[in-house]
Amino acid sequence: MNITALIKALEIELLQPEVRKSKKKLNELIADDFVEMGASGKEYNKQNVINDLTEEPELKFTIQNFNTIELSPDSILATYQVEKEILGSDTKINSSRTSIWKNIDGRWQIVFHQGTDQKY
């Protein structure tokens, strides 16, 4: 599997409802020094994100225009767009997203994420 396919698979995994509800799985995928810049401009750490994800309603995500750039042999920048649908409602939210993944002790983990609402 090439690096773009691997990182895309990890991003898709993070968007799955069963993963988002699993503190164990989230701890495996999210680095301890993780930082997220939310669409509101608020900064979140790993524990904030895990607490928020395990409490959110069930969502369906669709990824489009996924690309990666190798920052170093152990660091990958991913950019993509997402349509987020709140199941059981007509609410859909589009966003542009950026993540940095790092190979830490032989395992790829997300170290940075930013989502920005966008119409596309």
PDB file of N, CA and C in Angstrom:
ATOM      1  N   MET A   1       0.849  -1.176   0.000  1.00  0.00           N
ATOM      2  CA  MET A   1       0.000   0.000   0.000  1.00  0.00           C
ATOM      3  C   MET A   1       0.896   1.241   0.000  1.00  0.00           C
ATOM      4  N   ASN A   2       0.616   2.191  -0.897  1.00  0.00           N
ATOM      5  CA  ASN A   2       1.420   3.414  -0.914  1.00  0.00           C
ATOM      6  C   ASN A   2       1.004   4.333   0.230  1.00  0.00           C
ATOM      7  N   ILE A   3       1.817   5.353   0.490  1.00  0.00           N
ATOM      8  CA  ILE A   3       1.602   6.190   1.667  1.00  0.00           C
ATOM      9  C   ILE A   3       0.285   6.961   1.597  1.00  0.00           C
ATOM     10  N   THR A   4      -0.106   7.429   0.407  1.00  0.00           N
ATOM     11  CA  THR A   4      -1.379   8.145   0.288  1.00  0.00           C
ATOM     12  C   THR A   4      -2.538   7.233   0.647  1.00  0.00           C
ATOM     13  N   ALA A   5      -2.530   6.009   0.149  1.00  0.00           N
ATOM     14  CA  ALA A   5      -3.598   5.050   0.455  1.00  0.00           C
ATOM     15  C   ALA A   5      -3.616   4.716   1.950  1.00  0.00           C
ATOM     16  N   LEU A   6      -2.435   4.578   2.545  1.00  0.00           N
ATOM     17  CA  LEU A   6      -2.352   4.260   3.973  1.00  0.00           C
ATOM     18  C   LEU A   6      -2.925   5.392   4.826  1.00  0.00           C
ATOM     19  N   ILE A   7      -2.506   6.622   4.553  1.00  0.00           N
ATOM     20  CA  ILE A   7      -2.980   7.763   5.346  1.00  0.00           C
ATOM     21  C   ILE A   7      -4.475   7.983   5.116  1.00  0.00           C
ATOM     22  N   LYS A   8      -4.939   7.813   3.889  1.00  0.00           N
ATOM     23  CA  LYS A   8      -6.375   7.937   3.625  1.00  0.00           C
ATOM     24  C   LYS A   8      -7.154   6.880   4.408  1.00  0.00           C
ATOM     25  N   ALA A   9      -6.644   5.667   4.447  1.00  0.00           N
ATOM     26  CA  ALA A   9      -7.306   4.600   5.209  1.00  0.00           C
ATOM     27  C   ALA A   9      -7.370   4.959   6.697  1.00  0.00           C
ATOM     28  N   LEU A  10      -6.311   5.562   7.226  1.00  0.00           N
ATOM     29  CA  LEU A  10      -6.304   5.977   8.632  1.00  0.00           C
ATOM     30  C   LEU A  10      -7.298   7.108   8.883  1.00  0.00           C
ATOM     31  N   GLU A  11      -7.363   8.070   7.957  1.00  0.00           N
ATOM     32  CA  GLU A  11      -8.344   9.163   8.087  1.00  0.00           C
ATOM     33  C   GLU A  11      -9.773   8.602   8.049  1.00  0.00           C
ATOM     34  N   ILE A  12     -10.025   7.682   7.127  1.00  0.00           N
ATOM     35  CA  ILE A  12     -11.349   7.066   7.036  1.00  0.00           C
ATOM     36  C   ILE A  12     -11.667   6.299   8.313  1.00  0.00           C
ATOM     37  N   GLU A  13     -10.670   5.609   8.851  1.00  0.00           N
ATOM     38  CA  GLU A  13     -10.867   4.878  10.104  1.00  0.00           C
ATOM     39  C   GLU A  13     -11.296   5.825  11.225  1.00  0.00           C
ATOM     40  N   LEU A  14     -10.649   6.998  11.307  1.00  0.00           N
ATOM     41  CA  LEU A  14     -11.001   7.978  12.339  1.00  0.00           C
ATOM     42  C   LEU A  14     -12.420   8.525  12.176  1.00  0.00           C
ATOM     43  N   LEU A  15     -12.989   8.388  11.003  1.00  0.00           N
ATOM     44  CA  LEU A  15     -14.338   8.901  10.748  1.00  0.00           C
ATOM     45  C   LEU A  15     -15.430   7.855  10.979  1.00  0.00           C
ATOM     46  N   GLN A  16     -15.044   6.629  11.289  1.00  0.00           N
ATOM     47  CA  GLN A  16     -16.025   5.562  11.501  1.00  0.00           C
ATOM     48  C   GLN A  16     -16.665   5.681  12.882  1.00  0.00           C
ATOM     49  N   PRO A  17     -17.997   5.559  12.957  1.00  0.00           N
ATOM     50  CA  PRO A  17     -18.692   5.717  14.255  1.00  0.00           C
ATOM     51  C   PRO A  17     -18.146   4.804  15.351  1.00  0.00           C
ATOM     52  N   GLU A  18     -17.826   3.554  15.026  1.00  0.00           N
ATOM     53  CA  GLU A  18     -17.341   2.636  16.057  1.00  0.00           C
ATOM     54  C   GLU A  18     -15.953   3.026  16.576  1.00  0.00           C
ATOM     55  N   VAL A  19     -15.136   3.647  15.731  1.00  0.00           N
ATOM     56  CA  VAL A  19     -13.816   4.118  16.159  1.00  0.00           C
ATOM     57  C   VAL A  19     -13.972   5.380  16.996  1.00  0.00           C
ATOM     58  N   ARG A  20     -14.855   6.275  16.565  1.00  0.00           N
ATOM     59  CA  ARG A  20     -15.069   7.538  17.272  1.00  0.00           C
ATOM     60  C   ARG A  20     -15.656   7.326  18.668  1.00  0.00           C
ATOM     61  N   LYS A  21     -16.273   6.189  18.907  1.00  0.00           N
ATOM     62  CA  LYS A  21     -16.844   5.870  20.228  1.00  0.00           C
ATOM     63  C   LYS A  21     -15.877   5.056  21.094  1.00  0.00           C
ATOM     64  N   SER A  22     -14.721   4.655  20.536  1.00  0.00           N
ATOM     65  CA  SER A  22     -13.780   3.784  21.238  1.00  0.00           C
ATOM     66  C   SER A  22     -12.566   4.571  21.735  1.00  0.00           C
ATOM     67  N   LYS A  23     -12.516   4.808  23.046  1.00  0.00           N
ATOM     68  CA  LYS A  23     -11.360   5.515  23.608  1.00  0.00           C
ATOM     69  C   LYS A  23     -10.068   4.742  23.347  1.00  0.00           C
ATOM     70  N   LYS A  24     -10.143   3.421  23.383  1.00  0.00           N
ATOM     71  CA  LYS A  24      -8.958   2.589  23.134  1.00  0.00           C
ATOM     72  C   LYS A  24      -8.430   2.811  21.716  1.00  0.00           C
ATOM     73  N   LYS A  25      -9.304   2.749  20.737  1.00  0.00           N
ATOM     74  CA  LYS A  25      -8.893   2.913  19.344  1.00  0.00           C
ATOM     75  C   LYS A  25      -8.414   4.338  19.077  1.00  0.00           C
ATOM     76  N   LEU A  26      -9.114   5.325  19.633  1.00  0.00           N
ATOM     77  CA  LEU A  26      -8.696   6.714  19.455  1.00  0.00           C
ATOM     78  C   LEU A  26      -7.315   6.947  20.066  1.00  0.00           C
ATOM     79  N   ASN A  27      -7.049   6.342  21.222  1.00  0.00           N
ATOM     80  CA  ASN A  27      -5.729   6.469  21.844  1.00  0.00           C
ATOM     81  C   ASN A  27      -4.628   5.894  20.964  1.00  0.00           C
ATOM     82  N   GLU A  28      -4.937   4.865  20.194  1.00  0.00           N
ATOM     83  CA  GLU A  28      -3.956   4.265  19.291  1.00  0.00           C
ATOM     84  C   GLU A  28      -3.673   5.161  18.092  1.00  0.00           C
ATOM     85  N   LEU A  29      -4.702   5.836  17.586  1.00  0.00           N
ATOM     86  CA  LEU A  29      -4.578   6.628  16.357  1.00  0.00           C
ATOM     87  C   LEU A  29      -4.108   8.058  16.595  1.00  0.00           C
ATOM     88  N   ILE A  30      -4.350   8.588  17.785  1.00  0.00           N
ATOM     89  CA  ILE A  30      -4.039   9.990  18.084  1.00  0.00           C
ATOM     90  C   ILE A  30      -2.788  10.061  18.959  1.00  0.00           C
ATOM     91  N   ALA A  31      -1.806  10.836  18.499  1.00  0.00           N
ATOM     92  CA  ALA A  31      -0.550  10.992  19.250  1.00  0.00           C
ATOM     93  C   ALA A  31      -0.797  11.728  20.560  1.00  0.00           C
ATOM     94  N   ASP A  32       0.039  11.452  21.551  1.00  0.00           N
ATOM     95  CA  ASP A  32      -0.107  12.082  22.865  1.00  0.00           C
ATOM     96  C   ASP A  32       0.014  13.604  22.797  1.00  0.00           C
ATOM     97  N   ASP A  33       0.850  14.121  21.878  1.00  0.00           N
ATOM     98  CA  ASP A  33       1.045  15.576  21.765  1.00  0.00           C
ATOM     99  C   ASP A  33       0.168  16.200  20.684  1.00  0.00           C
ATOM    100  N   PHE A  34      -0.911  15.525  20.320  1.00  0.00           N
ATOM    101  CA  PHE A  34      -1.848  15.972  19.293  1.00  0.00           C
ATOM    102  C   PHE A  34      -2.400  17.369  19.600  1.00  0.00           C
ATOM    103  N   VAL A  35      -2.576  18.160  18.518  1.00  0.00           N
ATOM    104  CA  VAL A  35      -3.202  19.479  18.589  1.00  0.00           C
ATOM    105  C   VAL A  35      -4.210  19.587  17.453  1.00  0.00           C
ATOM    106  N   GLU A  36      -5.387  20.105  17.769  1.00  0.00           N
ATOM    107  CA  GLU A  36      -6.388  20.391  16.736  1.00  0.00           C
ATOM    108  C   GLU A  36      -6.782  21.852  16.835  1.00  0.00           C
ATOM    109  N   MET A  37      -6.850  22.496  15.681  1.00  0.00           N
ATOM    110  CA  MET A  37      -7.395  23.842  15.591  1.00  0.00           C
ATOM    111  C   MET A  37      -8.791  23.689  15.000  1.00  0.00           C
ATOM    112  N   GLY A  38      -9.811  23.949  15.809  1.00  0.00           N
ATOM    113  CA  GLY A  38     -11.188  23.796  15.372  1.00  0.00           C
ATOM    114  C   GLY A  38     -11.610  24.909  14.427  1.00  0.00           C
ATOM    115  N   ALA A  39     -12.726  24.692  13.740  1.00  0.00           N
ATOM    116  CA  ALA A  39     -13.262  25.694  12.824  1.00  0.00           C
ATOM    117  C   ALA A  39     -13.559  27.004  13.555  1.00  0.00           C
ATOM    118  N   SER A  40     -13.829  26.915  14.856  1.00  0.00           N
ATOM    119  CA  SER A  40     -14.113  28.100  15.680  1.00  0.00           C
ATOM    120  C   SER A  40     -12.847  28.877  16.018  1.00  0.00           C
ATOM    121  N   GLY A  41     -11.682  28.256  15.784  1.00  0.00           N
ATOM    122  CA  GLY A  41     -10.414  28.860  16.173  1.00  0.00           C
ATOM    123  C   GLY A  41      -9.921  28.360  17.523  1.00  0.00           C
ATOM    124  N   LYS A  42     -10.740  27.561  18.202  1.00  0.00           N
ATOM    125  CA  LYS A  42     -10.356  27.018  19.500  1.00  0.00           C
ATOM    126  C   LYS A  42      -9.360  25.879  19.326  1.00  0.00           C
ATOM    127  N   GLU A  43      -8.388  25.788  20.236  1.00  0.00           N
ATOM    128  CA  GLU A  43      -7.378  24.727  20.196  1.00  0.00           C
ATOM    129  C   GLU A  43      -7.795  23.587  21.124  1.00  0.00           C
ATOM    130  N   TYR A  44      -7.616  22.358  20.648  1.00  0.00           N
ATOM    131  CA  TYR A  44      -7.968  21.161  21.403  1.00  0.00           C
ATOM    132  C   TYR A  44      -6.756  20.257  21.526  1.00  0.00           C
ATOM    133  N   ASN A  45      -6.683  19.496  22.629  1.00  0.00           N
ATOM    134  CA  ASN A  45      -5.628  18.501  22.782  1.00  0.00           C
ATOM    135  C   ASN A  45      -6.239  17.101  22.640  1.00  0.00           C
ATOM    136  N   LYS A  46      -5.420  16.089  22.795  1.00  0.00           N
ATOM    137  CA  LYS A  46      -5.868  14.707  22.612  1.00  0.00           C
ATOM    138  C   LYS A  46      -7.054  14.370  23.513  1.00  0.00           C
ATOM    139  N   GLN A  47      -6.958  14.694  24.787  1.00  0.00           N
ATOM    140  CA  GLN A  47      -8.030  14.332  25.717  1.00  0.00           C
ATOM    141  C   GLN A  47      -9.329  15.052  25.403  1.00  0.00           C
ATOM    142  N   ASN A  48      -9.239  16.347  25.019  1.00  0.00           N
ATOM    143  CA  ASN A  48     -10.444  17.093  24.621  1.00  0.00           C
ATOM    144  C   ASN A  48     -11.145  16.401  23.466  1.00  0.00           C
ATOM    145  N   VAL A  49     -10.359  16.016  22.460  1.00  0.00           N
ATOM    146  CA  VAL A  49     -10.915  15.412  21.251  1.00  0.00           C
ATOM    147  C   VAL A  49     -11.532  14.052  21.562  1.00  0.00           C
ATOM    148  N   ILE A  50     -10.842  13.233  22.325  1.00  0.00           N
ATOM    149  CA  ILE A  50     -11.387  11.911  22.664  1.00  0.00           C
ATOM    150  C   ILE A  50     -12.701  12.064  23.430  1.00  0.00           C
ATOM    151  N   ASN A  51     -12.751  12.974  24.387  1.00  0.00           N
ATOM    152  CA  ASN A  51     -13.992  13.194  25.140  1.00  0.00           C
ATOM    153  C   ASN A  51     -15.120  13.657  24.226  1.00  0.00           C
ATOM    154  N   ASP A  52     -14.823  14.596  23.317  1.00  0.00           N
ATOM    155  CA  ASP A  52     -15.847  15.115  22.405  1.00  0.00           C
ATOM    156  C   ASP A  52     -16.329  14.048  21.426  1.00  0.00           C
ATOM    157  N   LEU A  53     -15.410  13.288  20.854  1.00  0.00           N
ATOM    158  CA  LEU A  53     -15.787  12.293  19.843  1.00  0.00           C
ATOM    159  C   LEU A  53     -16.658  11.188  20.430  1.00  0.00           C
ATOM    160  N   THR A  54     -16.362  10.761  21.635  1.00  0.00           N
ATOM    161  CA  THR A  54     -17.134   9.661  22.218  1.00  0.00           C
ATOM    162  C   THR A  54     -18.536  10.094  22.627  1.00  0.00           C
ATOM    163  N   GLU A  55     -18.797  11.396  22.648  1.00  0.00           N
ATOM    164  CA  GLU A  55     -20.116  11.918  23.031  1.00  0.00           C
ATOM    165  C   GLU A  55     -20.933  12.451  21.854  1.00  0.00           C
ATOM    166  N   GLU A  56     -20.351  12.507  20.649  1.00  0.00           N
ATOM    167  CA  GLU A  56     -21.064  13.124  19.528  1.00  0.00           C
ATOM    168  C   GLU A  56     -22.172  12.219  18.996  1.00  0.00           C
ATOM    169  N   PRO A  57     -23.162  12.796  18.286  1.00  0.00           N
ATOM    170  CA  PRO A  57     -24.198  11.971  17.661  1.00  0.00           C
ATOM    171  C   PRO A  57     -23.591  11.158  16.515  1.00  0.00           C
ATOM    172  N   GLU A  58     -24.309  10.167  16.037  1.00  0.00           N
ATOM    173  CA  GLU A  58     -23.781   9.354  14.936  1.00  0.00           C
ATOM    174  C   GLU A  58     -23.772  10.176  13.656  1.00  0.00           C
ATOM    175  N   LEU A  59     -22.635  10.140  12.988  1.00  0.00           N
ATOM    176  CA  LEU A  59     -22.414  10.940  11.787  1.00  0.00           C
ATOM    177  C   LEU A  59     -21.986  10.049  10.628  1.00  0.00           C
ATOM    178  N   LYS A  60     -22.228  10.539   9.424  1.00  0.00           N
ATOM    179  CA  LYS A  60     -21.736   9.874   8.216  1.00  0.00           C
ATOM    180  C   LYS A  60     -20.837  10.874   7.497  1.00  0.00           C
ATOM    181  N   PHE A  61     -19.648  10.429   7.106  1.00  0.00           N
ATOM    182  CA  PHE A  61     -18.684  11.288   6.441  1.00  0.00           C
ATOM    183  C   PHE A  61     -18.404  10.787   5.029  1.00  0.00           C
ATOM    184  N   THR A  62     -18.237  11.727   4.110  1.00  0.00           N
ATOM    185  CA  THR A  62     -17.816  11.411   2.746  1.00  0.00           C
ATOM    186  C   THR A  62     -16.585  12.260   2.437  1.00  0.00           C
ATOM    187  N   ILE A  63     -15.483  11.587   2.099  1.00  0.00           N
ATOM    188  CA  ILE A  63     -14.217  12.271   1.785  1.00  0.00           C
ATOM    189  C   ILE A  63     -14.105  12.476   0.280  1.00  0.00           C
ATOM    190  N   GLN A  64     -13.620  13.662  -0.099  1.00  0.00           N
ATOM    191  CA  GLN A  64     -13.357  13.979  -1.504  1.00  0.00           C
ATOM    192  C   GLN A  64     -11.992  14.650  -1.618  1.00  0.00           C
ATOM    193  N   ASN A  65     -11.400  14.568  -2.798  1.00  0.00           N
ATOM    194  CA  ASN A  65     -10.166  15.298  -3.138  1.00  0.00           C
ATOM    195  C   ASN A  65      -9.040  15.064  -2.128  1.00  0.00           C
ATOM    196  N   PHE A  66      -8.782  13.812  -1.806  1.00  0.00           N
ATOM    197  CA  PHE A  66      -7.756  13.470  -0.818  1.00  0.00           C
ATOM    198  C   PHE A  66      -6.380  13.524  -1.462  1.00  0.00           C
ATOM    199  N   ASN A  67      -5.462  14.253  -0.826  1.00  0.00           N
ATOM    200  CA  ASN A  67      -4.082  14.369  -1.308  1.00  0.00           C
ATOM    201  C   ASN A  67      -3.119  14.318  -0.128  1.00  0.00           C
ATOM    202  N   THR A  68      -1.895  13.901  -0.401  1.00  0.00           N
ATOM    203  CA  THR A  68      -0.854  13.925   0.624  1.00  0.00           C
ATOM    204  C   THR A  68       0.410  14.566   0.067  1.00  0.00           C
ATOM    205  N   ILE A  69       1.195  15.110   0.995  1.00  0.00           N
ATOM    206  CA  ILE A  69       2.524  15.644   0.693  1.00  0.00           C
ATOM    207  C   ILE A  69       3.463  15.085   1.751  1.00  0.00           C
ATOM    208  N   GLU A  70       4.587  14.527   1.317  1.00  0.00           N
ATOM    209  CA  GLU A  70       5.576  14.012   2.259  1.00  0.00           C
ATOM    210  C   GLU A  70       6.388  15.182   2.799  1.00  0.00           C
ATOM    211  N   LEU A  71       6.272  15.437   4.087  1.00  0.00           N
ATOM    212  CA  LEU A  71       7.048  16.497   4.733  1.00  0.00           C
ATOM    213  C   LEU A  71       8.436  16.001   5.103  1.00  0.00           C
ATOM    214  N   SER A  72       8.509  14.717   5.451  1.00  0.00           N
ATOM    215  CA  SER A  72       9.763  14.024   5.745  1.00  0.00           C
ATOM    216  C   SER A  72       9.430  12.534   5.623  1.00  0.00           C
ATOM    217  N   PRO A  73      10.417  11.646   5.696  1.00  0.00           N
ATOM    218  CA  PRO A  73      10.096  10.221   5.576  1.00  0.00           C
ATOM    219  C   PRO A  73       9.109   9.732   6.649  1.00  0.00           C
ATOM    220  N   ASP A  74       9.038  10.424   7.783  1.00  0.00           N
ATOM    221  CA  ASP A  74       8.156  10.008   8.871  1.00  0.00           C
ATOM    222  C   ASP A  74       7.006  10.970   9.144  1.00  0.00           C
ATOM    223  N   SER A  75       6.774  11.951   8.244  1.00  0.00           N
ATOM    224  CA  SER A  75       5.703  12.931   8.445  1.00  0.00           C
ATOM    225  C   SER A  75       4.975  13.193   7.135  1.00  0.00           C
ATOM    226  N   ILE A  76       3.651  13.082   7.178  1.00  0.00           N
ATOM    227  CA  ILE A  76       2.819  13.240   5.982  1.00  0.00           C
ATOM    228  C   ILE A  76       1.731  14.262   6.253  1.00  0.00           C
ATOM    229  N   LEU A  77       1.566  15.205   5.317  1.00  0.00           N
ATOM    230  CA  LEU A  77       0.483  16.173   5.357  1.00  0.00           C
ATOM    231  C   LEU A  77      -0.647  15.653   4.473  1.00  0.00           C
ATOM    232  N   ALA A  78      -1.854  15.600   5.001  1.00  0.00           N
ATOM    233  CA  ALA A  78      -3.030  15.183   4.232  1.00  0.00           C
ATOM    234  C   ALA A  78      -3.994  16.358   4.126  1.00  0.00           C
ATOM    235  N   THR A  79      -4.534  16.574   2.928  1.00  0.00           N
ATOM    236  CA  THR A  79      -5.556  17.597   2.714  1.00  0.00           C
ATOM    237  C   THR A  79      -6.727  16.954   1.994  1.00  0.00           C
ATOM    238  N   TYR A  80      -7.941  17.376   2.356  1.00  0.00           N
ATOM    239  CA  TYR A  80      -9.138  16.796   1.745  1.00  0.00           C
ATOM    240  C   TYR A  80     -10.366  17.603   2.136  1.00  0.00           C
ATOM    241  N   GLN A  81     -11.481  17.316   1.482  1.00  0.00           N
ATOM    242  CA  GLN A  81     -12.765  17.886   1.842  1.00  0.00           C
ATOM    243  C   GLN A  81     -13.650  16.776   2.392  1.00  0.00           C
ATOM    244  N   VAL A  82     -14.555  17.173   3.288  1.00  0.00           N
ATOM    245  CA  VAL A  82     -15.471  16.223   3.910  1.00  0.00           C
ATOM    246  C   VAL A  82     -16.882  16.793   3.909  1.00  0.00           C
ATOM    247  N   GLU A  83     -17.831  15.922   3.576  1.00  0.00           N
ATOM    248  CA  GLU A  83     -19.228  16.238   3.828  1.00  0.00           C
ATOM    249  C   GLU A  83     -19.631  15.431   5.054  1.00  0.00           C
ATOM    250  N   LYS A  84     -20.112  16.122   6.079  1.00  0.00           N
ATOM    251  CA  LYS A  84     -20.528  15.486   7.327  1.00  0.00           C
ATOM    252  C   LYS A  84     -22.045  15.571   7.415  1.00  0.00           C
ATOM    253  N   GLU A  85     -22.680  14.414   7.577  1.00  0.00           N
ATOM    254  CA  GLU A  85     -24.130  14.350   7.699  1.00  0.00           C
ATOM    255  C   GLU A  85     -24.496  13.832   9.081  1.00  0.00           C
ATOM    256  N   ILE A  86     -25.359  14.569   9.775  1.00  0.00           N
ATOM    257  CA  ILE A  86     -25.869  14.111  11.064  1.00  0.00           C
ATOM    258  C   ILE A  86     -27.016  13.156  10.766  1.00  0.00           C
ATOM    259  N   LEU A  87     -26.823  11.874  11.089  1.00  0.00           N
ATOM    260  CA  LEU A  87     -27.827  10.872  10.749  1.00  0.00           C
ATOM    261  C   LEU A  87     -29.133  11.152  11.486  1.00  0.00           C
ATOM    262  N   GLY A  88     -30.240  10.937  10.754  1.00  0.00           N
ATOM    263  CA  GLY A  88     -31.556  11.197  11.320  1.00  0.00           C
ATOM    264  C   GLY A  88     -31.992  12.639  11.160  1.00  0.00           C
ATOM    265  N   SER A  89     -31.214  13.431  10.429  1.00  0.00           N
ATOM    266  CA  SER A  89     -31.586  14.823  10.169  1.00  0.00           C
ATOM    267  C   SER A  89     -31.230  15.162   8.728  1.00  0.00           C
ATOM    268  N   ASP A  90     -31.576  16.349   8.325  1.00  0.00           N
ATOM    269  CA  ASP A  90     -31.214  16.819   6.984  1.00  0.00           C
ATOM    270  C   ASP A  90     -29.967  17.693   7.022  1.00  0.00           C
ATOM    271  N   THR A  91     -29.259  17.691   8.137  1.00  0.00           N
ATOM    272  CA  THR A  91     -28.112  18.568   8.315  1.00  0.00           C
ATOM    273  C   THR A  91     -26.860  17.975   7.672  1.00  0.00           C
ATOM    274  N   LYS A  92     -26.253  18.764   6.767  1.00  0.00           N
ATOM    275  CA  LYS A  92     -24.983  18.399   6.139  1.00  0.00           C
ATOM    276  C   LYS A  92     -24.050  19.590   6.246  1.00  0.00           C
ATOM    277  N   ILE A  93     -22.818  19.321   6.626  1.00  0.00           N
ATOM    278  CA  ILE A  93     -21.807  20.368   6.797  1.00  0.00           C
ATOM    279  C   ILE A  93     -20.592  19.986   5.955  1.00  0.00           C
ATOM    280  N   ASN A  94     -20.116  20.928   5.158  1.00  0.00           N
ATOM    281  CA  ASN A  94     -18.927  20.715   4.338  1.00  0.00           C
ATOM    282  C   ASN A  94     -17.739  21.400   4.986  1.00  0.00           C
ATOM    283  N   SER A  95     -16.580  20.762   4.911  1.00  0.00           N
ATOM    284  CA  SER A  95     -15.375  21.372   5.464  1.00  0.00           C
ATOM    285  C   SER A  95     -14.153  20.944   4.679  1.00  0.00           C
ATOM    286  N   SER A  96     -13.142  21.804   4.726  1.00  0.00           N
ATOM    287  CA  SER A  96     -11.810  21.461   4.230  1.00  0.00           C
ATOM    288  C   SER A  96     -11.000  21.052   5.440  1.00  0.00           C
ATOM    289  N   ARG A  97     -10.190  20.020   5.283  1.00  0.00           N
ATOM    290  CA  ARG A  97      -9.443  19.491   6.420  1.00  0.00           C
ATOM    291  C   ARG A  97      -7.978  19.286   6.063  1.00  0.00           C
ATOM    292  N   THR A  98      -7.152  19.464   7.079  1.00  0.00           N
ATOM    293  CA  THR A  98      -5.713  19.253   6.969  1.00  0.00           C
ATOM    294  C   THR A  98      -5.271  18.468   8.190  1.00  0.00           C
ATOM    295  N   SER A  99      -4.471  17.436   7.960  1.00  0.00           N
ATOM    296  CA  SER A  99      -3.919  16.629   9.049  1.00  0.00           C
ATOM    297  C   SER A  99      -2.437  16.396   8.806  1.00  0.00           C
ATOM    298  N   ILE A 100      -1.710  16.250   9.890  1.00  0.00           N
ATOM    299  CA  ILE A 100      -0.320  15.797   9.804  1.00  0.00           C
ATOM    300  C   ILE A 100      -0.238  14.480  10.563  1.00  0.00           C
ATOM    301  N   TRP A 101       0.294  13.482   9.883  1.00  0.00           N
ATOM    302  CA  TRP A 101       0.490  12.146  10.452  1.00  0.00           C
ATOM    303  C   TRP A 101       1.990  11.914  10.600  1.00  0.00           C
ATOM    304  N   LYS A 102       2.370  11.294  11.694  1.00  0.00           N
ATOM    305  CA  LYS A 102       3.785  11.022  11.961  1.00  0.00           C
ATOM    306  C   LYS A 102       3.947   9.558  12.335  1.00  0.00           C
ATOM    307  N   ASN A 103       5.016   8.951  11.829  1.00  0.00           N
ATOM    308  CA  ASN A 103       5.339   7.580  12.188  1.00  0.00           C
ATOM    309  C   ASN A 103       6.103   7.625  13.505  1.00  0.00           C
ATOM    310  N   ILE A 104       5.432   7.176  14.569  1.00  0.00           N
ATOM    311  CA  ILE A 104       6.000   7.203  15.922  1.00  0.00           C
ATOM    312  C   ILE A 104       6.177   5.761  16.385  1.00  0.00           C
ATOM    313  N   ASP A 105       7.412   5.360  16.563  1.00  0.00           N
ATOM    314  CA  ASP A 105       7.724   3.997  17.015  1.00  0.00           C
ATOM    315  C   ASP A 105       7.066   2.943  16.124  1.00  0.00           C
ATOM    316  N   GLY A 106       7.117   3.170  14.810  1.00  0.00           N
ATOM    317  CA  GLY A 106       6.604   2.187  13.853  1.00  0.00           C
ATOM    318  C   GLY A 106       5.101   2.215  13.631  1.00  0.00           C
ATOM    319  N   ARG A 107       4.420   3.204  14.224  1.00  0.00           N
ATOM    320  CA  ARG A 107       2.960   3.295  14.064  1.00  0.00           C
ATOM    321  C   ARG A 107       2.595   4.724  13.643  1.00  0.00           C
ATOM    322  N   TRP A 108       1.770   4.845  12.595  1.00  0.00           N
ATOM    323  CA  TRP A 108       1.325   6.156  12.147  1.00  0.00           C
ATOM    324  C   TRP A 108       0.253   6.683  13.083  1.00  0.00           C
ATOM    325  N   GLN A 109       0.469   7.929  13.571  1.00  0.00           N
ATOM    326  CA  GLN A 109      -0.500   8.593  14.437  1.00  0.00           C
ATOM    327  C   GLN A 109      -0.701  10.029  13.957  1.00  0.00           C
ATOM    328  N   ILE A 110      -1.911  10.528  14.166  1.00  0.00           N
ATOM    329  CA  ILE A 110      -2.214  11.908  13.809  1.00  0.00           C
ATOM    330  C   ILE A 110      -1.667  12.823  14.901  1.00  0.00           C
ATOM    331  N   VAL A 111      -0.929  13.875  14.490  1.00  0.00           N
ATOM    332  CA  VAL A 111      -0.339  14.805  15.456  1.00  0.00           C
ATOM    333  C   VAL A 111      -0.960  16.197  15.352  1.00  0.00           C
ATOM    334  N   PHE A 112      -1.622  16.489  14.220  1.00  0.00           N
ATOM    335  CA  PHE A 112      -2.245  17.799  14.020  1.00  0.00           C
ATOM    336  C   PHE A 112      -3.445  17.652  13.105  1.00  0.00           C
ATOM    337  N   HIS A 113      -4.484  18.426  13.394  1.00  0.00           N
ATOM    338  CA  HIS A 113      -5.675  18.439  12.522  1.00  0.00           C
ATOM    339  C   HIS A 113      -6.306  19.819  12.581  1.00  0.00           C
ATOM    340  N   GLN A 114      -6.801  20.267  11.420  1.00  0.00           N
ATOM    341  CA  GLN A 114      -7.564  21.499  11.354  1.00  0.00           C
ATOM    342  C   GLN A 114      -8.685  21.329  10.346  1.00  0.00           C
ATOM    343  N   GLY A 115      -9.873  21.728  10.754  1.00  0.00           N
ATOM    344  CA  GLY A 115     -11.021  21.710   9.861  1.00  0.00           C
ATOM    345  C   GLY A 115     -11.573  23.109   9.723  1.00  0.00           C
ATOM    346  N   THR A 116     -11.910  23.495   8.497  1.00  0.00           N
ATOM    347  CA  THR A 116     -12.428  24.832   8.221  1.00  0.00           C
ATOM    348  C   THR A 116     -13.692  24.687   7.390  1.00  0.00           C
ATOM    349  N   ASP A 117     -14.805  25.214   7.879  1.00  0.00           N
ATOM    350  CA  ASP A 117     -16.042  25.165   7.114  1.00  0.00           C
ATOM    351  C   ASP A 117     -15.848  25.843   5.764  1.00  0.00           C
ATOM    352  N   GLN A 118     -16.413  25.199   4.729  1.00  0.00           N
ATOM    353  CA  GLN A 118     -16.254  25.724   3.377  1.00  0.00           C
ATOM    354  C   GLN A 118     -17.410  25.246   2.540  1.00  0.00           C
ATOM    355  N   LYS A 119     -17.832  26.077   1.644  1.00  0.00           N
ATOM    356  CA  LYS A 119     -18.827  25.670   0.663  1.00  0.00           C
ATOM    357  C   LYS A 119     -18.088  25.223  -0.586  1.00  0.00           C
ATOM    358  N   TYR A 120     -18.379  24.034  -1.040  1.00  0.00           N
ATOM    359  CA  TYR A 120     -17.751  23.533  -2.279  1.00  0.00           C
ATOM    360  C   TYR A 120     -18.733  22.730  -3.056  1.00  0.00           C
TER     361      TYR A 120
END
